[in-house]
Amino acid sequence: MRRIGLISDTHGLLRPEALAFLQGCEHIVHGGDIGDSRILAQLAALAPLTAVRGNNDRGAWAEAVPATAQVEFDGLRLYVIHDLADLRIDPAAAGVRVVVSGHSHRPKAEERGGVWYVNPGSAGPPRFRLPISAAELRVADGAVMPCIVELVKR
């Protein structure tokens, strides 16, 4: 079984709980609003990293981060975008099985038309009364199972 870690909306704060959760992942995907290039370095030290730029990522370091990304694992294609409202492709037609996004800070995993749409929520500073969360994809024998985890109990 493969374990792919999903994190988003860190906004400059990479919590120890997030690092512990992502430990042992084969790959990590960050859905944007990173907040600081040091977060990318810390995540890349754990596992290969794919990250996209969020609407709050600004400055020279952020210009090097793409607005969208695709990554593939043994035929499983993921498409990563910060704000799902900006999605301009038909994921199913493009062979994408999982769309990873962020932006709303609301954790959600929903399958539509054979495509999983996963928002791991926000792993950074608390916002409103939303949970502090991350997610993982468990991949085995072509099956994909997303799992959202609350990192900090409030």
N, C-alpha and C. Protein backbone atom coordinates (compact mmCIF):
# COMPACT_ATOMS: atom_id res chain seq x y z
N MET A 1 0.83 -1.18 0.00
CA MET A 1 0.00 0.00 0.00
C MET A 1 0.88 1.25 0.00
N ARG A 2 0.51 2.19 -0.85
CA ARG A 2 1.19 3.48 -0.88
C ARG A 2 0.44 4.47 0.01
N ARG A 3 1.21 5.34 0.63
CA ARG A 3 0.61 6.39 1.47
C ARG A 3 1.12 7.73 1.00
N ILE A 4 0.19 8.55 0.50
CA ILE A 4 0.52 9.87 -0.01
C ILE A 4 -0.08 10.90 0.94
N GLY A 5 0.76 11.76 1.51
CA GLY A 5 0.30 12.77 2.45
C GLY A 5 -0.20 14.01 1.75
N LEU A 6 -1.30 14.56 2.26
CA LEU A 6 -1.89 15.77 1.70
C LEU A 6 -1.99 16.82 2.80
N ILE A 7 -1.52 18.02 2.48
CA ILE A 7 -1.55 19.12 3.44
C ILE A 7 -1.83 20.40 2.66
N SER A 8 -2.43 21.36 3.31
CA SER A 8 -2.72 22.62 2.64
C SER A 8 -2.87 23.74 3.67
N ASP A 9 -2.80 24.95 3.18
CA ASP A 9 -3.09 26.14 3.97
C ASP A 9 -2.33 26.16 5.30
N THR A 10 -1.02 26.00 5.20
CA THR A 10 -0.17 26.08 6.39
C THR A 10 0.06 27.54 6.79
N HIS A 11 -0.02 28.45 5.85
CA HIS A 11 0.11 29.89 6.13
C HIS A 11 1.31 30.19 7.03
N GLY A 12 2.44 29.56 6.74
CA GLY A 12 3.67 29.84 7.47
C GLY A 12 3.85 29.05 8.75
N LEU A 13 2.92 28.17 9.08
CA LEU A 13 3.01 27.38 10.31
C LEU A 13 2.97 25.89 9.99
N LEU A 14 4.09 25.23 10.20
CA LEU A 14 4.13 23.77 10.03
C LEU A 14 4.17 23.15 11.42
N ARG A 15 3.05 22.68 11.86
CA ARG A 15 2.90 22.15 13.21
C ARG A 15 3.64 20.83 13.39
N PRO A 16 4.13 20.56 14.60
CA PRO A 16 4.76 19.27 14.88
C PRO A 16 3.79 18.11 14.62
N GLU A 17 2.50 18.32 14.88
CA GLU A 17 1.51 17.28 14.65
C GLU A 17 1.41 16.94 13.15
N ALA A 18 1.56 17.96 12.30
CA ALA A 18 1.53 17.73 10.85
C ALA A 18 2.77 16.95 10.42
N LEU A 19 3.92 17.32 10.94
CA LEU A 19 5.16 16.61 10.61
C LEU A 19 5.08 15.15 11.05
N ALA A 20 4.54 14.92 12.23
CA ALA A 20 4.41 13.55 12.73
C ALA A 20 3.45 12.75 11.85
N PHE A 21 2.34 13.36 11.45
CA PHE A 21 1.37 12.68 10.60
C PHE A 21 1.96 12.32 9.25
N LEU A 22 2.76 13.20 8.68
CA LEU A 22 3.32 12.99 7.34
C LEU A 22 4.53 12.07 7.33
N GLN A 23 5.07 11.78 8.49
CA GLN A 23 6.21 10.87 8.61
C GLN A 23 5.86 9.52 7.96
N GLY A 24 6.73 9.02 7.12
CA GLY A 24 6.52 7.72 6.50
C GLY A 24 5.74 7.76 5.20
N CYS A 25 5.30 8.93 4.78
CA CYS A 25 4.61 9.03 3.49
C CYS A 25 5.60 8.83 2.36
N GLU A 26 5.13 8.24 1.29
CA GLU A 26 5.96 8.04 0.11
C GLU A 26 6.11 9.33 -0.69
N HIS A 27 5.12 10.19 -0.61
CA HIS A 27 5.11 11.47 -1.33
C HIS A 27 4.21 12.41 -0.53
N ILE A 28 4.48 13.70 -0.61
CA ILE A 28 3.66 14.71 0.06
C ILE A 28 3.18 15.71 -0.99
N VAL A 29 1.91 16.10 -0.88
CA VAL A 29 1.32 17.09 -1.77
C VAL A 29 0.83 18.25 -0.91
N HIS A 30 1.27 19.47 -1.26
CA HIS A 30 0.81 20.68 -0.55
C HIS A 30 -0.10 21.45 -1.49
N GLY A 31 -1.33 21.72 -1.03
CA GLY A 31 -2.34 22.37 -1.85
C GLY A 31 -2.34 23.88 -1.82
N GLY A 32 -1.25 24.50 -1.43
CA GLY A 32 -1.13 25.95 -1.54
C GLY A 32 -1.41 26.72 -0.26
N ASP A 33 -1.14 28.03 -0.32
CA ASP A 33 -1.09 28.91 0.84
C ASP A 33 -0.07 28.35 1.83
N ILE A 34 1.12 28.20 1.28
CA ILE A 34 2.26 27.64 2.01
C ILE A 34 2.73 28.63 3.08
N GLY A 35 2.95 29.87 2.65
CA GLY A 35 3.29 30.93 3.58
C GLY A 35 4.77 31.20 3.78
N ASP A 36 5.62 30.23 3.51
CA ASP A 36 7.05 30.40 3.76
C ASP A 36 7.81 29.28 3.05
N SER A 37 8.87 29.62 2.37
CA SER A 37 9.65 28.62 1.63
C SER A 37 10.27 27.57 2.55
N ARG A 38 10.48 27.92 3.81
CA ARG A 38 11.07 26.95 4.75
C ARG A 38 10.14 25.75 4.96
N ILE A 39 8.83 25.96 4.82
CA ILE A 39 7.89 24.85 4.95
C ILE A 39 8.12 23.84 3.83
N LEU A 40 8.36 24.33 2.63
CA LEU A 40 8.65 23.43 1.51
C LEU A 40 9.90 22.61 1.79
N ALA A 41 10.92 23.24 2.33
CA ALA A 41 12.17 22.53 2.64
C ALA A 41 11.94 21.46 3.71
N GLN A 42 11.16 21.79 4.74
CA GLN A 42 10.89 20.82 5.80
C GLN A 42 10.10 19.62 5.27
N LEU A 43 9.11 19.89 4.42
CA LEU A 43 8.32 18.79 3.86
C LEU A 43 9.15 17.93 2.91
N ALA A 44 9.98 18.59 2.09
CA ALA A 44 10.82 17.86 1.14
C ALA A 44 11.86 17.00 1.85
N ALA A 45 12.19 17.34 3.10
CA ALA A 45 13.12 16.52 3.87
C ALA A 45 12.47 15.21 4.31
N LEU A 46 11.12 15.19 4.35
CA LEU A 46 10.40 13.97 4.75
C LEU A 46 10.17 13.02 3.58
N ALA A 47 9.84 13.59 2.40
CA ALA A 47 9.48 12.77 1.24
C ALA A 47 9.49 13.67 0.00
N PRO A 48 9.51 13.08 -1.18
CA PRO A 48 9.37 13.89 -2.39
C PRO A 48 8.10 14.75 -2.27
N LEU A 49 8.18 15.97 -2.77
CA LEU A 49 7.12 16.95 -2.55
C LEU A 49 6.61 17.54 -3.86
N THR A 50 5.31 17.65 -3.97
CA THR A 50 4.65 18.40 -5.03
C THR A 50 3.84 19.49 -4.35
N ALA A 51 4.03 20.74 -4.76
CA ALA A 51 3.32 21.85 -4.13
C ALA A 51 2.84 22.83 -5.19
N VAL A 52 1.74 23.50 -4.88
CA VAL A 52 1.24 24.57 -5.74
C VAL A 52 1.14 25.85 -4.94
N ARG A 53 1.15 26.95 -5.67
CA ARG A 53 1.07 28.28 -5.08
C ARG A 53 -0.39 28.61 -4.76
N GLY A 54 -0.61 29.18 -3.59
CA GLY A 54 -1.94 29.63 -3.20
C GLY A 54 -2.09 31.13 -3.39
N ASN A 55 -3.28 31.64 -3.20
CA ASN A 55 -3.53 33.07 -3.39
C ASN A 55 -2.79 33.95 -2.39
N ASN A 56 -2.34 33.40 -1.28
CA ASN A 56 -1.58 34.17 -0.30
C ASN A 56 -0.07 33.97 -0.40
N ASP A 57 0.38 33.16 -1.34
CA ASP A 57 1.82 32.93 -1.52
C ASP A 57 2.37 33.99 -2.46
N ARG A 58 3.19 34.87 -1.90
CA ARG A 58 3.74 35.99 -2.67
C ARG A 58 5.23 36.12 -2.43
N GLY A 59 5.88 36.79 -3.35
CA GLY A 59 7.31 37.02 -3.22
C GLY A 59 8.09 36.17 -4.19
N ALA A 60 9.39 36.39 -4.21
CA ALA A 60 10.26 35.70 -5.16
C ALA A 60 10.20 34.19 -4.99
N TRP A 61 10.20 33.69 -3.76
CA TRP A 61 10.16 32.24 -3.55
C TRP A 61 8.89 31.64 -4.14
N ALA A 62 7.76 32.35 -4.01
CA ALA A 62 6.47 31.82 -4.46
C ALA A 62 6.37 31.79 -5.98
N GLU A 63 7.07 32.67 -6.65
CA GLU A 63 7.03 32.69 -8.12
C GLU A 63 7.55 31.39 -8.72
N ALA A 64 8.40 30.70 -7.99
CA ALA A 64 8.95 29.43 -8.48
C ALA A 64 8.00 28.26 -8.25
N VAL A 65 6.93 28.47 -7.50
CA VAL A 65 5.96 27.42 -7.21
C VAL A 65 4.84 27.52 -8.25
N PRO A 66 4.51 26.42 -8.93
CA PRO A 66 3.49 26.48 -9.99
C PRO A 66 2.08 26.68 -9.42
N ALA A 67 1.18 27.19 -10.26
CA ALA A 67 -0.22 27.37 -9.87
C ALA A 67 -0.97 26.04 -9.86
N THR A 68 -0.55 25.12 -10.72
CA THR A 68 -1.14 23.77 -10.76
C THR A 68 -0.01 22.77 -10.96
N ALA A 69 -0.30 21.53 -10.64
CA ALA A 69 0.70 20.48 -10.84
C ALA A 69 -0.01 19.15 -11.04
N GLN A 70 0.69 18.25 -11.73
CA GLN A 70 0.22 16.88 -11.86
C GLN A 70 1.33 15.96 -11.40
N VAL A 71 0.94 14.88 -10.77
CA VAL A 71 1.91 13.88 -10.33
C VAL A 71 1.24 12.52 -10.53
N GLU A 72 2.05 11.53 -10.87
CA GLU A 72 1.51 10.21 -11.17
C GLU A 72 2.26 9.14 -10.40
N PHE A 73 1.51 8.18 -9.89
CA PHE A 73 2.06 7.04 -9.17
C PHE A 73 1.49 5.78 -9.78
N ASP A 74 2.30 5.02 -10.50
CA ASP A 74 1.86 3.75 -11.10
C ASP A 74 0.50 3.88 -11.80
N GLY A 75 0.36 4.92 -12.60
CA GLY A 75 -0.87 5.12 -13.36
C GLY A 75 -1.95 5.91 -12.64
N LEU A 76 -1.77 6.20 -11.36
CA LEU A 76 -2.72 7.02 -10.61
C LEU A 76 -2.31 8.48 -10.77
N ARG A 77 -3.13 9.26 -11.46
CA ARG A 77 -2.79 10.66 -11.73
C ARG A 77 -3.53 11.58 -10.76
N LEU A 78 -2.75 12.48 -10.11
CA LEU A 78 -3.29 13.50 -9.24
C LEU A 78 -3.12 14.86 -9.91
N TYR A 79 -4.10 15.71 -9.74
CA TYR A 79 -4.04 17.08 -10.23
C TYR A 79 -4.16 17.97 -9.00
N VAL A 80 -3.26 18.93 -8.84
CA VAL A 80 -3.21 19.76 -7.65
C VAL A 80 -3.45 21.21 -8.04
N ILE A 81 -4.38 21.86 -7.35
CA ILE A 81 -4.73 23.25 -7.59
C ILE A 81 -5.17 23.83 -6.25
N HIS A 82 -4.87 25.09 -6.00
CA HIS A 82 -5.22 25.66 -4.70
C HIS A 82 -6.72 25.85 -4.55
N ASP A 83 -7.33 26.56 -5.48
CA ASP A 83 -8.76 26.88 -5.38
C ASP A 83 -9.52 26.08 -6.42
N LEU A 84 -10.37 25.19 -5.97
CA LEU A 84 -11.13 24.33 -6.87
C LEU A 84 -11.97 25.15 -7.86
N ALA A 85 -12.35 26.36 -7.50
CA ALA A 85 -13.12 27.22 -8.40
C ALA A 85 -12.31 27.59 -9.65
N ASP A 86 -11.00 27.46 -9.59
CA ASP A 86 -10.14 27.78 -10.73
C ASP A 86 -9.87 26.57 -11.63
N LEU A 87 -10.45 25.43 -11.33
CA LEU A 87 -10.24 24.21 -12.12
C LEU A 87 -10.76 24.42 -13.54
N ARG A 88 -9.89 24.27 -14.54
CA ARG A 88 -10.25 24.51 -15.93
C ARG A 88 -10.11 23.28 -16.81
N ILE A 89 -9.94 22.13 -16.17
CA ILE A 89 -9.85 20.89 -16.94
C ILE A 89 -11.01 19.99 -16.54
N ASP A 90 -11.28 19.01 -17.37
CA ASP A 90 -12.22 17.95 -17.01
C ASP A 90 -11.35 16.81 -16.48
N PRO A 91 -11.29 16.65 -15.16
CA PRO A 91 -10.38 15.66 -14.59
C PRO A 91 -10.58 14.26 -15.16
N ALA A 92 -11.81 13.80 -15.26
CA ALA A 92 -12.06 12.44 -15.75
C ALA A 92 -11.56 12.28 -17.18
N ALA A 93 -11.81 13.27 -18.04
CA ALA A 93 -11.36 13.20 -19.43
C ALA A 93 -9.84 13.25 -19.52
N ALA A 94 -9.20 13.90 -18.55
CA ALA A 94 -7.74 14.00 -18.53
C ALA A 94 -7.07 12.81 -17.86
N GLY A 95 -7.87 11.84 -17.41
CA GLY A 95 -7.30 10.66 -16.76
C GLY A 95 -6.90 10.89 -15.32
N VAL A 96 -7.40 11.95 -14.71
CA VAL A 96 -7.09 12.28 -13.32
C VAL A 96 -8.04 11.50 -12.41
N ARG A 97 -7.48 10.85 -11.41
CA ARG A 97 -8.29 10.10 -10.44
C ARG A 97 -8.52 10.87 -9.14
N VAL A 98 -7.60 11.81 -8.83
CA VAL A 98 -7.72 12.58 -7.60
C VAL A 98 -7.36 14.04 -7.88
N VAL A 99 -8.25 14.95 -7.48
CA VAL A 99 -7.97 16.38 -7.52
C VAL A 99 -7.74 16.82 -6.08
N VAL A 100 -6.58 17.39 -5.81
CA VAL A 100 -6.24 17.88 -4.48
C VAL A 100 -6.30 19.40 -4.52
N SER A 101 -7.02 19.98 -3.58
CA SER A 101 -7.13 21.43 -3.51
C SER A 101 -7.01 21.88 -2.06
N GLY A 102 -7.08 23.17 -1.86
CA GLY A 102 -7.05 23.78 -0.54
C GLY A 102 -8.02 24.94 -0.52
N HIS A 103 -7.56 26.08 -0.06
CA HIS A 103 -8.22 27.38 -0.11
C HIS A 103 -9.37 27.56 0.88
N SER A 104 -10.33 26.67 0.92
CA SER A 104 -11.52 26.88 1.75
C SER A 104 -11.27 26.60 3.23
N HIS A 105 -10.20 25.90 3.54
CA HIS A 105 -9.87 25.46 4.90
C HIS A 105 -10.85 24.40 5.41
N ARG A 106 -11.76 23.97 4.57
CA ARG A 106 -12.76 22.97 4.96
C ARG A 106 -12.34 21.59 4.46
N PRO A 107 -12.02 20.67 5.38
CA PRO A 107 -11.63 19.33 4.93
C PRO A 107 -12.81 18.61 4.29
N LYS A 108 -12.52 17.95 3.16
CA LYS A 108 -13.59 17.25 2.46
C LYS A 108 -12.98 16.23 1.51
N ALA A 109 -13.60 15.07 1.42
CA ALA A 109 -13.23 14.05 0.43
C ALA A 109 -14.53 13.55 -0.18
N GLU A 110 -14.65 13.76 -1.48
CA GLU A 110 -15.89 13.40 -2.16
C GLU A 110 -15.56 12.82 -3.53
N GLU A 111 -16.20 11.70 -3.85
CA GLU A 111 -15.99 11.08 -5.16
C GLU A 111 -17.16 11.46 -6.07
N ARG A 112 -16.81 11.98 -7.26
CA ARG A 112 -17.82 12.35 -8.26
C ARG A 112 -17.33 11.88 -9.62
N GLY A 113 -18.13 11.10 -10.29
CA GLY A 113 -17.80 10.66 -11.64
C GLY A 113 -16.48 9.91 -11.73
N GLY A 114 -16.16 9.14 -10.70
CA GLY A 114 -14.92 8.37 -10.70
C GLY A 114 -13.68 9.16 -10.32
N VAL A 115 -13.85 10.41 -9.91
CA VAL A 115 -12.74 11.27 -9.50
C VAL A 115 -12.94 11.66 -8.05
N TRP A 116 -11.90 11.48 -7.25
CA TRP A 116 -11.91 11.95 -5.87
C TRP A 116 -11.50 13.42 -5.84
N TYR A 117 -12.26 14.23 -5.12
CA TYR A 117 -11.93 15.64 -4.86
C TYR A 117 -11.61 15.71 -3.38
N VAL A 118 -10.34 16.00 -3.08
CA VAL A 118 -9.90 15.97 -1.68
C VAL A 118 -9.31 17.32 -1.30
N ASN A 119 -9.86 17.90 -0.26
CA ASN A 119 -9.31 19.10 0.36
C ASN A 119 -8.90 18.68 1.77
N PRO A 120 -7.59 18.68 2.06
CA PRO A 120 -7.17 18.23 3.39
C PRO A 120 -7.51 19.22 4.51
N GLY A 121 -8.05 20.38 4.15
CA GLY A 121 -8.35 21.40 5.15
C GLY A 121 -7.12 22.22 5.44
N SER A 122 -7.11 22.91 6.54
CA SER A 122 -6.00 23.77 6.92
C SER A 122 -5.19 23.15 8.04
N ALA A 123 -3.88 23.08 7.83
CA ALA A 123 -2.98 22.55 8.86
C ALA A 123 -2.27 23.68 9.60
N GLY A 124 -2.57 24.92 9.23
CA GLY A 124 -1.89 26.08 9.80
C GLY A 124 -2.63 26.70 10.97
N PRO A 125 -2.54 28.02 11.07
CA PRO A 125 -3.22 28.72 12.17
C PRO A 125 -4.73 28.48 12.14
N PRO A 126 -5.38 28.46 13.30
CA PRO A 126 -6.82 28.23 13.33
C PRO A 126 -7.56 29.35 12.61
N ARG A 127 -8.64 28.97 11.95
CA ARG A 127 -9.47 29.94 11.25
C ARG A 127 -10.93 29.61 11.55
N PHE A 128 -11.64 30.61 12.03
CA PHE A 128 -13.03 30.43 12.40
C PHE A 128 -13.11 29.23 13.36
N ARG A 129 -14.05 28.36 13.16
CA ARG A 129 -14.18 27.18 14.02
C ARG A 129 -13.88 25.92 13.23
N LEU A 130 -13.10 26.06 12.16
CA LEU A 130 -12.78 24.92 11.30
C LEU A 130 -11.68 24.08 11.94
N PRO A 131 -11.69 22.77 11.68
CA PRO A 131 -10.65 21.90 12.28
C PRO A 131 -9.27 22.16 11.67
N ILE A 132 -8.27 21.79 12.42
CA ILE A 132 -6.89 21.81 11.93
C ILE A 132 -6.62 20.39 11.46
N SER A 133 -6.40 20.23 10.16
CA SER A 133 -6.39 18.88 9.60
C SER A 133 -5.39 18.71 8.47
N ALA A 134 -5.20 17.46 8.10
CA ALA A 134 -4.42 17.05 6.94
C ALA A 134 -5.10 15.77 6.44
N ALA A 135 -4.57 15.19 5.39
CA ALA A 135 -5.19 13.98 4.85
C ALA A 135 -4.11 13.07 4.27
N GLU A 136 -4.54 11.88 3.93
CA GLU A 136 -3.67 10.95 3.24
C GLU A 136 -4.48 10.19 2.20
N LEU A 137 -3.79 9.76 1.18
CA LEU A 137 -4.37 8.84 0.21
C LEU A 137 -3.71 7.50 0.45
N ARG A 138 -4.52 6.49 0.63
CA ARG A 138 -4.01 5.12 0.72
C ARG A 138 -4.33 4.48 -0.62
N VAL A 139 -3.29 4.01 -1.28
CA VAL A 139 -3.43 3.47 -2.63
C VAL A 139 -2.94 2.03 -2.64
N ALA A 140 -3.82 1.12 -3.09
CA ALA A 140 -3.45 -0.29 -3.18
C ALA A 140 -4.25 -0.94 -4.29
N ASP A 141 -3.56 -1.67 -5.15
CA ASP A 141 -4.20 -2.43 -6.23
C ASP A 141 -5.17 -1.60 -7.05
N GLY A 142 -4.80 -0.34 -7.34
CA GLY A 142 -5.63 0.54 -8.16
C GLY A 142 -6.75 1.23 -7.40
N ALA A 143 -6.98 0.86 -6.16
CA ALA A 143 -8.02 1.51 -5.36
C ALA A 143 -7.42 2.68 -4.59
N VAL A 144 -8.19 3.75 -4.47
CA VAL A 144 -7.76 4.95 -3.76
C VAL A 144 -8.72 5.19 -2.60
N MET A 145 -8.16 5.38 -1.40
CA MET A 145 -8.98 5.68 -0.24
C MET A 145 -8.43 6.91 0.47
N PRO A 146 -9.14 8.04 0.37
CA PRO A 146 -8.70 9.22 1.11
C PRO A 146 -9.14 9.14 2.58
N CYS A 147 -8.33 9.72 3.44
CA CYS A 147 -8.61 9.73 4.87
C CYS A 147 -8.20 11.08 5.43
N ILE A 148 -9.16 11.81 5.98
CA ILE A 148 -8.88 13.11 6.59
C ILE A 148 -8.68 12.91 8.09
N VAL A 149 -7.66 13.58 8.64
CA VAL A 149 -7.31 13.42 10.04
C VAL A 149 -7.25 14.79 10.72
N GLU A 150 -7.95 14.93 11.83
CA GLU A 150 -7.86 16.15 12.62
C GLU A 150 -6.55 16.10 13.41
N LEU A 151 -5.69 17.07 13.19
CA LEU A 151 -4.35 17.06 13.79
C LEU A 151 -4.35 17.55 15.23
N VAL A 152 -5.19 18.52 15.53
CA VAL A 152 -5.25 19.12 16.85
C VAL A 152 -6.70 19.12 17.29
N LYS A 153 -6.95 18.51 18.43
CA LYS A 153 -8.32 18.49 18.98
C LYS A 153 -8.56 19.81 19.69
N ARG A 154 -9.72 20.40 19.40
CA ARG A 154 -10.03 21.69 20.06
C ARG A 154 -11.27 21.54 20.91
